[in-house]
């Protein structure tokens, strides 16, 4: 006797948008880089687009690692056959074609080398601790080390490094100087950096 299979009744789910789901699964994502987006051709594949721009989709293929085994085998064949010159002739030198959109790679390289604005900021708790030490001890780092608020028992060199970092952030250090009345006029970031270097003691 044949066993009768039980099939669950298919229900139409009104809450799901099948078309949107399909498009979402099919979509590979949006190109966020402005330079690449302008040069991107949606009719071509990702690897072809990147190759045309002078970029690599797979770095292992772009910069191949020399195979030790293949090199040894080539040398062994040359010794056996005594035909080193023949092997050299057989090896064709493949000259890579220049990428048609090489300007994209050059532009990305220029952007990577361009100086960036420093956005690093110390947390509020650390700033309060550093300003407390500076107000109390000035630049006497060894006295800071023995302070009762040094809960983590940091050495004088660690405290000095923290203060140097704080003084290297013009925005936070500028606010500290203005609050203490050490700045009479508005000064730019470069002048604040010079002051920070002058004030920091290495010993």
Foldseek 3Di string as FASTA:
>chain_A
DDDDDDDDDDDDDPVDDVVVVVCVVVDPDDDPDPLLNVQDDPVDDPQLSQVLQVHHPDVCVVDPDDDPVVVVVVVVVCVVVVPPVVVVVPDDDDDDDDRNNPVSVVVVVVVVPDDDDDPDDDDPVLLVLLLVCCVVPNQPLQVSLPDPVPVVSDHSVVSLVSLLVQQLDQVNVVVSCVVVVVDPDDDDNVVSNVVSVVRRDPD
